Amino acid sequence: MGLIYADVELINGDDLSDARRFRIAGEDVKSMHVNLLVDTGSYMLAINENIQEQ
């Protein structure tokens, strides 16, 4: 067995909601691409504080 990584795009949910209501432009939605280590037995995502601050 090896380690499994996934490329994931994290998107700010509040910004996405505002963009859908045309309060902000679509390009103003904060997002970032990260390469995460996958826990194949989990069903929820957790991110560390460094990623959260960014």
PDB file of N, CA and C in Angstrom:
ATOM      1  N   MET A   1       0.840  -1.176   0.000  1.00  0.00           N
ATOM      2  CA  MET A   1       0.000   0.000   0.000  1.00  0.00           C
ATOM      3  C   MET A   1       0.884   1.238   0.000  1.00  0.00           C
ATOM      4  N   GLY A   2       0.456   2.229  -0.725  1.00  0.00           N
ATOM      5  CA  GLY A   2       1.198   3.474  -0.795  1.00  0.00           C
ATOM      6  C   GLY A   2       0.356   4.646  -0.353  1.00  0.00           C
ATOM      7  N   LEU A   3       0.950   5.797  -0.435  1.00  0.00           N
ATOM      8  CA  LEU A   3       0.241   7.021  -0.097  1.00  0.00           C
ATOM      9  C   LEU A   3      -0.528   7.508  -1.323  1.00  0.00           C
ATOM     10  N   ILE A   4      -1.713   8.020  -1.105  1.00  0.00           N
ATOM     11  CA  ILE A   4      -2.553   8.515  -2.184  1.00  0.00           C
ATOM     12  C   ILE A   4      -2.772  10.011  -1.988  1.00  0.00           C
ATOM     13  N   TYR A   5      -2.516  10.763  -3.041  1.00  0.00           N
ATOM     14  CA  TYR A   5      -2.707  12.210  -3.017  1.00  0.00           C
ATOM     15  C   TYR A   5      -3.783  12.604  -4.027  1.00  0.00           C
ATOM     16  N   ALA A   6      -4.453  13.719  -3.770  1.00  0.00           N
ATOM     17  CA  ALA A   6      -5.479  14.225  -4.678  1.00  0.00           C
ATOM     18  C   ALA A   6      -5.272  15.724  -4.874  1.00  0.00           C
ATOM     19  N   ASP A   7      -5.432  16.184  -6.108  1.00  0.00           N
ATOM     20  CA  ASP A   7      -5.427  17.615  -6.394  1.00  0.00           C
ATOM     21  C   ASP A   7      -6.834  18.134  -6.140  1.00  0.00           C
ATOM     22  N   VAL A   8      -6.946  19.123  -5.231  1.00  0.00           N
ATOM     23  CA  VAL A   8      -8.244  19.625  -4.795  1.00  0.00           C
ATOM     24  C   VAL A   8      -8.256  21.137  -4.934  1.00  0.00           C
ATOM     25  N   GLU A   9      -9.396  21.679  -5.335  1.00  0.00           N
ATOM     26  CA  GLU A   9      -9.577  23.132  -5.356  1.00  0.00           C
ATOM     27  C   GLU A   9     -10.456  23.505  -4.170  1.00  0.00           C
ATOM     28  N   LEU A  10      -9.930  24.331  -3.276  1.00  0.00           N
ATOM     29  CA  LEU A  10     -10.687  24.825  -2.137  1.00  0.00           C
ATOM     30  C   LEU A  10     -11.271  26.179  -2.511  1.00  0.00           C
ATOM     31  N   ILE A  11     -12.567  26.364  -2.272  1.00  0.00           N
ATOM     32  CA  ILE A  11     -13.262  27.586  -2.649  1.00  0.00           C
ATOM     33  C   ILE A  11     -13.944  28.170  -1.417  1.00  0.00           C
ATOM     34  N   ASN A  12     -13.826  29.483  -1.234  1.00  0.00           N
ATOM     35  CA  ASN A  12     -14.474  30.173  -0.125  1.00  0.00           C
ATOM     36  C   ASN A  12     -15.986  30.144  -0.345  1.00  0.00           C
ATOM     37  N   GLY A  13     -16.707  29.490   0.546  1.00  0.00           N
ATOM     38  CA  GLY A  13     -18.147  29.311   0.402  1.00  0.00           C
ATOM     39  C   GLY A  13     -18.935  30.607   0.440  1.00  0.00           C
ATOM     40  N   ASP A  14     -18.536  31.540   1.285  1.00  0.00           N
ATOM     41  CA  ASP A  14     -19.232  32.831   1.354  1.00  0.00           C
ATOM     42  C   ASP A  14     -19.052  33.616   0.057  1.00  0.00           C
ATOM     43  N   ASP A  15     -17.827  33.608  -0.478  1.00  0.00           N
ATOM     44  CA  ASP A  15     -17.584  34.301  -1.744  1.00  0.00           C
ATOM     45  C   ASP A  15     -18.392  33.666  -2.873  1.00  0.00           C
ATOM     46  N   LEU A  16     -18.460  32.358  -2.891  1.00  0.00           N
ATOM     47  CA  LEU A  16     -19.208  31.669  -3.935  1.00  0.00           C
ATOM     48  C   LEU A  16     -20.691  32.021  -3.863  1.00  0.00           C
ATOM     49  N   SER A  17     -21.226  32.093  -2.655  1.00  0.00           N
ATOM     50  CA  SER A  17     -22.621  32.475  -2.466  1.00  0.00           C
ATOM     51  C   SER A  17     -22.862  33.906  -2.951  1.00  0.00           C
ATOM     52  N   ASP A  18     -21.937  34.809  -2.622  1.00  0.00           N
ATOM     53  CA  ASP A  18     -22.063  36.198  -3.067  1.00  0.00           C
ATOM     54  C   ASP A  18     -21.984  36.303  -4.589  1.00  0.00           C
ATOM     55  N   ALA A  19     -21.131  35.505  -5.212  1.00  0.00           N
ATOM     56  CA  ALA A  19     -21.008  35.536  -6.671  1.00  0.00           C
ATOM     57  C   ALA A  19     -22.280  35.027  -7.331  1.00  0.00           C
ATOM     58  N   ARG A  20     -22.899  34.029  -6.751  1.00  0.00           N
ATOM     59  CA  ARG A  20     -24.144  33.506  -7.310  1.00  0.00           C
ATOM     60  C   ARG A  20     -25.281  34.509  -7.198  1.00  0.00           C
ATOM     61  N   ARG A  21     -25.190  35.413  -6.234  1.00  0.00           N
ATOM     62  CA  ARG A  21     -26.202  36.462  -6.060  1.00  0.00           C
ATOM     63  C   ARG A  21     -25.777  37.768  -6.742  1.00  0.00           C
ATOM     64  N   PHE A  22     -24.681  37.690  -7.517  1.00  0.00           N
ATOM     65  CA  PHE A  22     -24.137  38.817  -8.274  1.00  0.00           C
ATOM     66  C   PHE A  22     -23.733  39.989  -7.377  1.00  0.00           C
ATOM     67  N   ARG A  23     -23.332  39.692  -6.144  1.00  0.00           N
ATOM     68  CA  ARG A  23     -22.813  40.731  -5.246  1.00  0.00           C
ATOM     69  C   ARG A  23     -21.343  41.009  -5.518  1.00  0.00           C
ATOM     70  N   ILE A  24     -20.614  39.973  -5.965  1.00  0.00           N
ATOM     71  CA  ILE A  24     -19.212  40.135  -6.360  1.00  0.00           C
ATOM     72  C   ILE A  24     -19.024  39.441  -7.709  1.00  0.00           C
ATOM     73  N   ALA A  25     -17.956  39.794  -8.388  1.00  0.00           N
ATOM     74  CA  ALA A  25     -17.663  39.170  -9.683  1.00  0.00           C
ATOM     75  C   ALA A  25     -17.131  37.747  -9.458  1.00  0.00           C
ATOM     76  N   GLY A  26     -17.341  36.909 -10.438  1.00  0.00           N
ATOM     77  CA  GLY A  26     -16.895  35.521 -10.335  1.00  0.00           C
ATOM     78  C   GLY A  26     -15.399  35.375 -10.126  1.00  0.00           C
ATOM     79  N   GLU A  27     -14.619  36.279 -10.725  1.00  0.00           N
ATOM     80  CA  GLU A  27     -13.163  36.190 -10.570  1.00  0.00           C
ATOM     81  C   GLU A  27     -12.693  36.664  -9.195  1.00  0.00           C
ATOM     82  N   ASP A  28     -13.583  37.257  -8.397  1.00  0.00           N
ATOM     83  CA  ASP A  28     -13.222  37.697  -7.050  1.00  0.00           C
ATOM     84  C   ASP A  28     -13.426  36.611  -5.994  1.00  0.00           C
ATOM     85  N   VAL A  29     -13.934  35.461  -6.390  1.00  0.00           N
ATOM     86  CA  VAL A  29     -14.120  34.349  -5.447  1.00  0.00           C
ATOM     87  C   VAL A  29     -12.749  33.788  -5.095  1.00  0.00           C
ATOM     88  N   LYS A  30     -12.437  33.740  -3.796  1.00  0.00           N
ATOM     89  CA  LYS A  30     -11.144  33.237  -3.339  1.00  0.00           C
ATOM     90  C   LYS A  30     -11.118  31.714  -3.466  1.00  0.00           C
ATOM     91  N   SER A  31     -10.056  31.212  -4.087  1.00  0.00           N
ATOM     92  CA  SER A  31      -9.881  29.769  -4.207  1.00  0.00           C
ATOM     93  C   SER A  31      -8.394  29.453  -4.276  1.00  0.00           C
ATOM     94  N   MET A  32      -8.052  28.208  -4.035  1.00  0.00           N
ATOM     95  CA  MET A  32      -6.665  27.775  -4.158  1.00  0.00           C
ATOM     96  C   MET A  32      -6.628  26.293  -4.485  1.00  0.00           C
ATOM     97  N   HIS A  33      -5.610  25.898  -5.219  1.00  0.00           N
ATOM     98  CA  HIS A  33      -5.401  24.498  -5.559  1.00  0.00           C
ATOM     99  C   HIS A  33      -4.354  23.934  -4.599  1.00  0.00           C
ATOM    100  N   VAL A  34      -4.634  22.765  -4.043  1.00  0.00           N
ATOM    101  CA  VAL A  34      -3.708  22.112  -3.128  1.00  0.00           C
ATOM    102  C   VAL A  34      -3.622  20.636  -3.475  1.00  0.00           C
ATOM    103  N   ASN A  35      -2.501  20.029  -3.145  1.00  0.00           N
ATOM    104  CA  ASN A  35      -2.293  18.604  -3.322  1.00  0.00           C
ATOM    105  C   ASN A  35      -2.345  17.985  -1.927  1.00  0.00           C
ATOM    106  N   LEU A  36      -3.393  17.216  -1.634  1.00  0.00           N
ATOM    107  CA  LEU A  36      -3.647  16.713  -0.289  1.00  0.00           C
ATOM    108  C   LEU A  36      -3.412  15.212  -0.178  1.00  0.00           C
ATOM    109  N   LEU A  37      -2.933  14.799   0.968  1.00  0.00           N
ATOM    110  CA  LEU A  37      -2.832  13.380   1.287  1.00  0.00           C
ATOM    111  C   LEU A  37      -4.224  12.872   1.627  1.00  0.00           C
ATOM    112  N   VAL A  38      -4.645  11.779   1.006  1.00  0.00           N
ATOM    113  CA  VAL A  38      -5.997  11.264   1.156  1.00  0.00           C
ATOM    114  C   VAL A  38      -6.044  10.183   2.226  1.00  0.00           C
ATOM    115  N   ASP A  39      -7.031  10.279   3.123  1.00  0.00           N
ATOM    116  CA  ASP A  39      -7.344   9.206   4.055  1.00  0.00           C
ATOM    117  C   ASP A  39      -8.512   8.440   3.451  1.00  0.00           C
ATOM    118  N   THR A  40      -8.243   7.265   2.917  1.00  0.00           N
ATOM    119  CA  THR A  40      -9.263   6.529   2.164  1.00  0.00           C
ATOM    120  C   THR A  40     -10.414   6.044   3.031  1.00  0.00           C
ATOM    121  N   GLY A  41     -10.279   6.090   4.350  1.00  0.00           N
ATOM    122  CA  GLY A  41     -11.354   5.648   5.235  1.00  0.00           C
ATOM    123  C   GLY A  41     -12.230   6.779   5.738  1.00  0.00           C
ATOM    124  N   SER A  42     -11.938   8.010   5.342  1.00  0.00           N
ATOM    125  CA  SER A  42     -12.702   9.142   5.863  1.00  0.00           C
ATOM    126  C   SER A  42     -13.744   9.613   4.859  1.00  0.00           C
ATOM    127  N   TYR A  43     -14.687  10.385   5.348  1.00  0.00           N
ATOM    128  CA  TYR A  43     -15.713  10.950   4.478  1.00  0.00           C
ATOM    129  C   TYR A  43     -15.827  12.464   4.639  1.00  0.00           C
ATOM    130  N   MET A  44     -15.007  13.060   5.501  1.00  0.00           N
ATOM    131  CA  MET A  44     -14.985  14.505   5.701  1.00  0.00           C
ATOM    132  C   MET A  44     -13.566  15.010   5.436  1.00  0.00           C
ATOM    133  N   LEU A  45     -13.456  16.277   5.044  1.00  0.00           N
ATOM    134  CA  LEU A  45     -12.169  16.892   4.761  1.00  0.00           C
ATOM    135  C   LEU A  45     -11.761  17.776   5.933  1.00  0.00           C
ATOM    136  N   ALA A  46     -10.497  17.719   6.297  1.00  0.00           N
ATOM    137  CA  ALA A  46      -9.951  18.619   7.308  1.00  0.00           C
ATOM    138  C   ALA A  46      -8.726  19.283   6.715  1.00  0.00           C
ATOM    139  N   ILE A  47      -8.586  20.584   6.945  1.00  0.00           N
ATOM    140  CA  ILE A  47      -7.404  21.303   6.479  1.00  0.00           C
ATOM    141  C   ILE A  47      -6.699  21.905   7.683  1.00  0.00           C
ATOM    142  N   ASN A  48      -5.380  22.106   7.550  1.00  0.00           N
ATOM    143  CA  ASN A  48      -4.624  22.647   8.680  1.00  0.00           C
ATOM    144  C   ASN A  48      -4.765  24.164   8.748  1.00  0.00           C
ATOM    145  N   GLU A  49      -4.265  24.743   9.817  1.00  0.00           N
ATOM    146  CA  GLU A  49      -4.430  26.175  10.067  1.00  0.00           C
ATOM    147  C   GLU A  49      -3.707  27.031   9.035  1.00  0.00           C
ATOM    148  N   ASN A  50      -2.565  26.555   8.521  1.00  0.00           N
ATOM    149  CA  ASN A  50      -1.825  27.340   7.523  1.00  0.00           C
ATOM    150  C   ASN A  50      -2.635  27.523   6.260  1.00  0.00           C
ATOM    151  N   ILE A  51      -3.268  26.478   5.781  1.00  0.00           N
ATOM    152  CA  ILE A  51      -4.120  26.574   4.591  1.00  0.00           C
ATOM    153  C   ILE A  51      -5.340  27.425   4.892  1.00  0.00           C
ATOM    154  N   GLN A  52      -5.909  27.278   6.065  1.00  0.00           N
ATOM    155  CA  GLN A  52      -7.099  28.054   6.432  1.00  0.00           C
ATOM    156  C   GLN A  52      -6.804  29.551   6.427  1.00  0.00           C
ATOM    157  N   GLU A  53      -5.638  29.963   6.911  1.00  0.00           N
ATOM    158  CA  GLU A  53      -5.274  31.369   6.954  1.00  0.00           C
ATOM    159  C   GLU A  53      -5.094  31.969   5.566  1.00  0.00           C
ATOM    160  N   GLN A  54      -4.624  31.147   4.627  1.00  0.00           N
ATOM    161  CA  GLN A  54      -4.393  31.639   3.274  1.00  0.00           C
ATOM    162  C   GLN A  54      -5.706  31.898   2.592  1.00  0.00           C
TER     163      GLN A  54
END
